[in-house]
């Protein structure tokens, strides 16, 4: 789980992409998969407008290591 506080008003997908250093498309998928919450409330709308000091939580599984055979 990753938690962070929004310092400036912005869209949810933009803030998640910037904080996690991922593409906006990847952020959009996390949001649509209900893995993102704002102030402890699940949000599934990528264009959700954030306010200063909103707390964002992103729940995602760690990457699995791929073993070469």
PDB file of N, CA and C in Angstrom:
ATOM      1  N   UNK A   1       0.846  -1.177   0.000  1.00  0.00           N
ATOM      2  CA  UNK A   1       0.000   0.000   0.000  1.00  0.00           C
ATOM      3  C   UNK A   1       0.894   1.242   0.000  1.00  0.00           C
ATOM      4  N   UNK A   2       0.484   2.222  -0.784  1.00  0.00           N
ATOM      5  CA  UNK A   2       1.190   3.494  -0.841  1.00  0.00           C
ATOM      6  C   UNK A   2       0.215   4.581  -0.424  1.00  0.00           C
ATOM      7  N   UNK A   3       0.655   5.449   0.495  1.00  0.00           N
ATOM      8  CA  UNK A   3      -0.168   6.579   0.928  1.00  0.00           C
ATOM      9  C   UNK A   3       0.596   7.863   0.658  1.00  0.00           C
ATOM     10  N   UNK A   4      -0.135   8.885   0.228  1.00  0.00           N
ATOM     11  CA  UNK A   4       0.483  10.194   0.064  1.00  0.00           C
ATOM     12  C   UNK A   4      -0.571  11.284   0.184  1.00  0.00           C
ATOM     13  N   UNK A   5      -0.105  12.489   0.472  1.00  0.00           N
ATOM     14  CA  UNK A   5      -0.969  13.656   0.628  1.00  0.00           C
ATOM     15  C   UNK A   5      -0.816  14.535  -0.609  1.00  0.00           C
ATOM     16  N   UNK A   6      -1.935  15.012  -1.117  1.00  0.00           N
ATOM     17  CA  UNK A   6      -1.934  15.886  -2.290  1.00  0.00           C
ATOM     18  C   UNK A   6      -1.569  17.303  -1.850  1.00  0.00           C
ATOM     19  N   UNK A   7      -0.577  17.893  -2.529  1.00  0.00           N
ATOM     20  CA  UNK A   7      -0.142  19.241  -2.181  1.00  0.00           C
ATOM     21  C   UNK A   7      -0.847  20.315  -3.007  1.00  0.00           C
ATOM     22  N   UNK A   8      -1.306  19.943  -4.203  1.00  0.00           N
ATOM     23  CA  UNK A   8      -1.999  20.882  -5.085  1.00  0.00           C
ATOM     24  C   UNK A   8      -3.239  20.210  -5.647  1.00  0.00           C
ATOM     25  N   UNK A   9      -4.248  20.991  -5.938  1.00  0.00           N
ATOM     26  CA  UNK A   9      -5.457  20.449  -6.564  1.00  0.00           C
ATOM     27  C   UNK A   9      -5.110  19.878  -7.932  1.00  0.00           C
ATOM     28  N   UNK A  10      -5.639  18.698  -8.228  1.00  0.00           N
ATOM     29  CA  UNK A  10      -5.418  18.073  -9.535  1.00  0.00           C
ATOM     30  C   UNK A  10      -6.401  16.921  -9.707  1.00  0.00           C
ATOM     31  N   UNK A  11      -6.347  16.307 -10.877  1.00  0.00           N
ATOM     32  CA  UNK A  11      -7.155  15.119 -11.136  1.00  0.00           C
ATOM     33  C   UNK A  11      -6.507  13.929 -10.429  1.00  0.00           C
ATOM     34  N   UNK A  12      -7.330  12.956 -10.059  1.00  0.00           N
ATOM     35  CA  UNK A  12      -6.836  11.774  -9.364  1.00  0.00           C
ATOM     36  C   UNK A  12      -5.835  10.994 -10.208  1.00  0.00           C
ATOM     37  N   UNK A  13      -6.141  10.754 -11.490  1.00  0.00           N
ATOM     38  CA  UNK A  13      -5.227   9.970 -12.322  1.00  0.00           C
ATOM     39  C   UNK A  13      -3.877  10.655 -12.492  1.00  0.00           C
ATOM     40  N   UNK A  14      -3.873  11.974 -12.586  1.00  0.00           N
ATOM     41  CA  UNK A  14      -2.623  12.725 -12.731  1.00  0.00           C
ATOM     42  C   UNK A  14      -1.788  12.611 -11.453  1.00  0.00           C
ATOM     43  N   UNK A  15      -2.425  12.765 -10.298  1.00  0.00           N
ATOM     44  CA  UNK A  15      -1.713  12.702  -9.021  1.00  0.00           C
ATOM     45  C   UNK A  15      -1.124  11.315  -8.775  1.00  0.00           C
ATOM     46  N   UNK A  16      -1.893  10.265  -9.058  1.00  0.00           N
ATOM     47  CA  UNK A  16      -1.408   8.891  -8.859  1.00  0.00           C
ATOM     48  C   UNK A  16      -0.236   8.602  -9.801  1.00  0.00           C
ATOM     49  N   UNK A  17      -0.370   8.991 -11.051  1.00  0.00           N
ATOM     50  CA  UNK A  17       0.706   8.757 -12.024  1.00  0.00           C
ATOM     51  C   UNK A  17       1.985   9.471 -11.605  1.00  0.00           C
ATOM     52  N   UNK A  18       1.851  10.707 -11.177  1.00  0.00           N
ATOM     53  CA  UNK A  18       3.027  11.488 -10.779  1.00  0.00           C
ATOM     54  C   UNK A  18       3.692  10.896  -9.536  1.00  0.00           C
ATOM     55  N   UNK A  19       2.909  10.589  -8.524  1.00  0.00           N
ATOM     56  CA  UNK A  19       3.464  10.080  -7.261  1.00  0.00           C
ATOM     57  C   UNK A  19       4.118   8.713  -7.430  1.00  0.00           C
ATOM     58  N   UNK A  20       3.491   7.829  -8.208  1.00  0.00           N
ATOM     59  CA  UNK A  20       4.018   6.470  -8.374  1.00  0.00           C
ATOM     60  C   UNK A  20       4.988   6.351  -9.547  1.00  0.00           C
ATOM     61  N   UNK A  21       5.169   7.445 -10.276  1.00  0.00           N
ATOM     62  CA  UNK A  21       6.045   7.471 -11.448  1.00  0.00           C
ATOM     63  C   UNK A  21       5.658   6.381 -12.445  1.00  0.00           C
ATOM     64  N   UNK A  22       4.365   6.386 -12.783  1.00  0.00           N
ATOM     65  CA  UNK A  22       3.820   5.450 -13.763  1.00  0.00           C
ATOM     66  C   UNK A  22       3.066   6.263 -14.815  1.00  0.00           C
ATOM     67  N   UNK A  23       2.656   5.616 -15.883  1.00  0.00           N
ATOM     68  CA  UNK A  23       1.901   6.319 -16.920  1.00  0.00           C
ATOM     69  C   UNK A  23       0.486   6.621 -16.421  1.00  0.00           C
ATOM     70  N   UNK A  24      -0.146   7.601 -17.060  1.00  0.00           N
ATOM     71  CA  UNK A  24      -1.531   7.910 -16.685  1.00  0.00           C
ATOM     72  C   UNK A  24      -2.444   6.741 -17.008  1.00  0.00           C
ATOM     73  N   UNK A  25      -2.123   5.983 -18.048  1.00  0.00           N
ATOM     74  CA  UNK A  25      -2.924   4.809 -18.394  1.00  0.00           C
ATOM     75  C   UNK A  25      -2.843   3.759 -17.284  1.00  0.00           C
ATOM     76  N   UNK A  26      -1.647   3.558 -16.728  1.00  0.00           N
ATOM     77  CA  UNK A  26      -1.490   2.616 -15.618  1.00  0.00           C
ATOM     78  C   UNK A  26      -2.254   3.119 -14.390  1.00  0.00           C
ATOM     79  N   UNK A  27      -2.185   4.422 -14.137  1.00  0.00           N
ATOM     80  CA  UNK A  27      -2.922   5.006 -13.014  1.00  0.00           C
ATOM     81  C   UNK A  27      -4.424   4.824 -13.219  1.00  0.00           C
ATOM     82  N   UNK A  28      -4.881   5.037 -14.438  1.00  0.00           N
ATOM     83  CA  UNK A  28      -6.292   4.868 -14.780  1.00  0.00           C
ATOM     84  C   UNK A  28      -6.749   3.442 -14.477  1.00  0.00           C
ATOM     85  N   UNK A  29      -5.922   2.459 -14.817  1.00  0.00           N
ATOM     86  CA  UNK A  29      -6.271   1.059 -14.552  1.00  0.00           C
ATOM     87  C   UNK A  29      -6.359   0.774 -13.055  1.00  0.00           C
ATOM     88  N   UNK A  30      -5.449   1.328 -12.265  1.00  0.00           N
ATOM     89  CA  UNK A  30      -5.507   1.147 -10.809  1.00  0.00           C
ATOM     90  C   UNK A  30      -6.808   1.726 -10.252  1.00  0.00           C
ATOM     91  N   UNK A  31      -7.176   2.901 -10.750  1.00  0.00           N
ATOM     92  CA  UNK A  31      -8.389   3.568 -10.274  1.00  0.00           C
ATOM     93  C   UNK A  31      -9.627   2.774 -10.682  1.00  0.00           C
ATOM     94  N   UNK A  32      -9.693   2.353 -11.938  1.00  0.00           N
ATOM     95  CA  UNK A  32     -10.855   1.599 -12.423  1.00  0.00           C
ATOM     96  C   UNK A  32     -10.976   0.233 -11.761  1.00  0.00           C
ATOM     97  N   UNK A  33      -9.849  -0.325 -11.280  1.00  0.00           N
ATOM     98  CA  UNK A  33      -9.868  -1.607 -10.579  1.00  0.00           C
ATOM     99  C   UNK A  33     -10.185  -1.434  -9.090  1.00  0.00           C
ATOM    100  N   UNK A  34     -10.615  -0.230  -8.704  1.00  0.00           N
ATOM    101  CA  UNK A  34     -10.999   0.089  -7.314  1.00  0.00           C
ATOM    102  C   UNK A  34      -9.859  -0.113  -6.328  1.00  0.00           C
ATOM    103  N   UNK A  35      -8.642   0.202  -6.748  1.00  0.00           N
ATOM    104  CA  UNK A  35      -7.478   0.055  -5.886  1.00  0.00           C
ATOM    105  C   UNK A  35      -7.029   1.384  -5.283  1.00  0.00           C
ATOM    106  N   UNK A  36      -7.789   2.450  -5.555  1.00  0.00           N
ATOM    107  CA  UNK A  36      -7.409   3.780  -5.080  1.00  0.00           C
ATOM    108  C   UNK A  36      -8.534   4.356  -4.229  1.00  0.00           C
ATOM    109  N   UNK A  37      -8.153   4.943  -3.097  1.00  0.00           N
ATOM    110  CA  UNK A  37      -9.141   5.618  -2.259  1.00  0.00           C
ATOM    111  C   UNK A  37      -8.655   7.028  -1.937  1.00  0.00           C
ATOM    112  N   UNK A  38      -9.617   7.917  -1.713  1.00  0.00           N
ATOM    113  CA  UNK A  38      -9.335   9.303  -1.354  1.00  0.00           C
ATOM    114  C   UNK A  38      -9.992   9.553  -0.007  1.00  0.00           C
ATOM    115  N   UNK A  39      -9.181   9.928   0.964  1.00  0.00           N
ATOM    116  CA  UNK A  39      -9.689  10.163   2.328  1.00  0.00           C
ATOM    117  C   UNK A  39     -10.499   8.968   2.827  1.00  0.00           C
ATOM    118  N   UNK A  40      -9.956   7.778   2.600  1.00  0.00           N
ATOM    119  CA  UNK A  40     -10.501   6.493   3.039  1.00  0.00           C
ATOM    120  C   UNK A  40     -11.776   6.067   2.314  1.00  0.00           C
ATOM    121  N   UNK A  41     -12.143   6.760   1.236  1.00  0.00           N
ATOM    122  CA  UNK A  41     -13.326   6.388   0.452  1.00  0.00           C
ATOM    123  C   UNK A  41     -12.880   5.931  -0.937  1.00  0.00           C
ATOM    124  N   UNK A  42     -13.291   4.737  -1.364  1.00  0.00           N
ATOM    125  CA  UNK A  42     -12.911   4.252  -2.701  1.00  0.00           C
ATOM    126  C   UNK A  42     -13.426   5.189  -3.796  1.00  0.00           C
ATOM    127  N   UNK A  43     -12.574   5.434  -4.781  1.00  0.00           N
ATOM    128  CA  UNK A  43     -12.941   6.288  -5.913  1.00  0.00           C
ATOM    129  C   UNK A  43     -12.610   5.535  -7.189  1.00  0.00           C
ATOM    130  N   UNK A  44     -13.572   5.458  -8.107  1.00  0.00           N
ATOM    131  CA  UNK A  44     -13.341   4.738  -9.363  1.00  0.00           C
ATOM    132  C   UNK A  44     -13.428   5.658 -10.579  1.00  0.00           C
ATOM    133  N   UNK A  45     -13.427   6.956 -10.341  1.00  0.00           N
ATOM    134  CA  UNK A  45     -13.520   7.941 -11.421  1.00  0.00           C
ATOM    135  C   UNK A  45     -12.154   8.620 -11.593  1.00  0.00           C
ATOM    136  N   UNK A  46     -11.439   8.323 -12.688  1.00  0.00           N
ATOM    137  CA  UNK A  46     -10.101   8.894 -12.893  1.00  0.00           C
ATOM    138  C   UNK A  46     -10.078  10.422 -12.901  1.00  0.00           C
ATOM    139  N   UNK A  47     -11.164  11.048 -13.330  1.00  0.00           N
ATOM    140  CA  UNK A  47     -11.199  12.511 -13.411  1.00  0.00           C
ATOM    141  C   UNK A  47     -11.619  13.174 -12.093  1.00  0.00           C
ATOM    142  N   UNK A  48     -11.732  12.376 -11.029  1.00  0.00           N
ATOM    143  CA  UNK A  48     -12.099  12.906  -9.713  1.00  0.00           C
ATOM    144  C   UNK A  48     -11.148  14.047  -9.355  1.00  0.00           C
ATOM    145  N   UNK A  49     -11.710  15.194  -8.951  1.00  0.00           N
ATOM    146  CA  UNK A  49     -10.882  16.352  -8.619  1.00  0.00           C
ATOM    147  C   UNK A  49     -10.466  16.316  -7.153  1.00  0.00           C
ATOM    148  N   UNK A  50      -9.171  16.399  -6.950  1.00  0.00           N
ATOM    149  CA  UNK A  50      -8.599  16.367  -5.609  1.00  0.00           C
ATOM    150  C   UNK A  50      -8.430  17.773  -5.073  1.00  0.00           C
ATOM    151  N   UNK A  51      -8.478  17.877  -3.767  1.00  0.00           N
ATOM    152  CA  UNK A  51      -8.218  19.141  -3.089  1.00  0.00           C
ATOM    153  C   UNK A  51      -6.898  19.041  -2.343  1.00  0.00           C
ATOM    154  N   UNK A  52      -6.330  20.175  -2.041  1.00  0.00           N
ATOM    155  CA  UNK A  52      -5.097  20.217  -1.266  1.00  0.00           C
ATOM    156  C   UNK A  52      -5.312  19.477   0.056  1.00  0.00           C
ATOM    157  N   UNK A  53      -4.342  18.667   0.448  1.00  0.00           N
ATOM    158  CA  UNK A  53      -4.333  17.884   1.691  1.00  0.00           C
ATOM    159  C   UNK A  53      -5.218  16.645   1.674  1.00  0.00           C
ATOM    160  N   UNK A  54      -5.763  16.253   0.526  1.00  0.00           N
ATOM    161  CA  UNK A  54      -6.457  14.967   0.431  1.00  0.00           C
ATOM    162  C   UNK A  54      -5.434  13.847   0.587  1.00  0.00           C
ATOM    163  N   UNK A  55      -5.841  12.765   1.253  1.00  0.00           N
ATOM    164  CA  UNK A  55      -4.960  11.606   1.422  1.00  0.00           C
ATOM    165  C   UNK A  55      -5.349  10.533   0.406  1.00  0.00           C
ATOM    166  N   UNK A  56      -4.368  10.096  -0.359  1.00  0.00           N
ATOM    167  CA  UNK A  56      -4.585   9.070  -1.377  1.00  0.00           C
ATOM    168  C   UNK A  56      -3.943   7.774  -0.898  1.00  0.00           C
ATOM    169  N   UNK A  57      -4.676   6.674  -1.025  1.00  0.00           N
ATOM    170  CA  UNK A  57      -4.147   5.341  -0.731  1.00  0.00           C
ATOM    171  C   UNK A  57      -4.282   4.495  -1.984  1.00  0.00           C
ATOM    172  N   UNK A  58      -3.189   3.827  -2.345  1.00  0.00           N
ATOM    173  CA  UNK A  58      -3.201   2.939  -3.506  1.00  0.00           C
ATOM    174  C   UNK A  58      -2.828   1.551  -3.017  1.00  0.00           C
ATOM    175  N   UNK A  59      -3.735   0.599  -3.195  1.00  0.00           N
ATOM    176  CA  UNK A  59      -3.487  -0.793  -2.812  1.00  0.00           C
ATOM    177  C   UNK A  59      -3.179  -1.583  -4.068  1.00  0.00           C
ATOM    178  N   UNK A  60      -1.990  -2.111  -4.144  1.00  0.00           N
ATOM    179  CA  UNK A  60      -1.672  -2.959  -5.284  1.00  0.00           C
ATOM    180  C   UNK A  60      -0.682  -4.021  -4.855  1.00  0.00           C
ATOM    181  N   UNK A  61      -0.766  -5.156  -5.531  1.00  0.00           N
ATOM    182  CA  UNK A  61       0.115  -6.276  -5.211  1.00  0.00           C
ATOM    183  C   UNK A  61       1.517  -5.970  -5.715  1.00  0.00           C
ATOM    184  N   UNK A  62       2.531  -6.365  -4.962  1.00  0.00           N
ATOM    185  CA  UNK A  62       3.898  -6.176  -5.446  1.00  0.00           C
ATOM    186  C   UNK A  62       4.138  -7.000  -6.705  1.00  0.00           C
ATOM    187  N   UNK A  63       5.076  -6.537  -7.516  1.00  0.00           N
ATOM    188  CA  UNK A  63       5.398  -7.264  -8.744  1.00  0.00           C
ATOM    189  C   UNK A  63       5.964  -8.633  -8.404  1.00  0.00           C
ATOM    190  N   UNK A  64       5.525  -9.629  -9.152  1.00  0.00           N
ATOM    191  CA  UNK A  64       6.047 -10.979  -8.961  1.00  0.00           C
ATOM    192  C   UNK A  64       7.317 -11.131  -9.783  1.00  0.00           C
ATOM    193  N   UNK A  65       8.291 -11.791  -9.194  1.00  0.00           N
ATOM    194  CA  UNK A  65       9.536 -12.029  -9.918  1.00  0.00           C
ATOM    195  C   UNK A  65       9.324 -13.137 -10.931  1.00  0.00           C
ATOM    196  N   UNK A  66       9.857 -12.934 -12.106  1.00  0.00           N
ATOM    197  CA  UNK A  66       9.757 -13.928 -13.165  1.00  0.00           C
ATOM    198  C   UNK A  66      11.056 -14.716 -13.187  1.00  0.00           C
ATOM    199  N   UNK A  67      10.916 -16.023 -13.121  1.00  0.00           N
ATOM    200  CA  UNK A  67      12.103 -16.879 -13.137  1.00  0.00           C
ATOM    201  C   UNK A  67      12.321 -17.408 -14.541  1.00  0.00           C
ATOM    202  N   UNK A  68      13.557 -17.293 -14.999  1.00  0.00           N
ATOM    203  CA  UNK A  68      13.904 -17.845 -16.308  1.00  0.00           C
ATOM    204  C   UNK A  68      14.251 -19.308 -16.160  1.00  0.00           C
ATOM    205  N   UNK A  69      13.717 -20.112 -17.041  1.00  0.00           N
ATOM    206  CA  UNK A  69      13.998 -21.551 -16.953  1.00  0.00           C
ATOM    207  C   UNK A  69      14.933 -21.971 -18.046  1.00  0.00           C
TER     208      UNK A  69
END
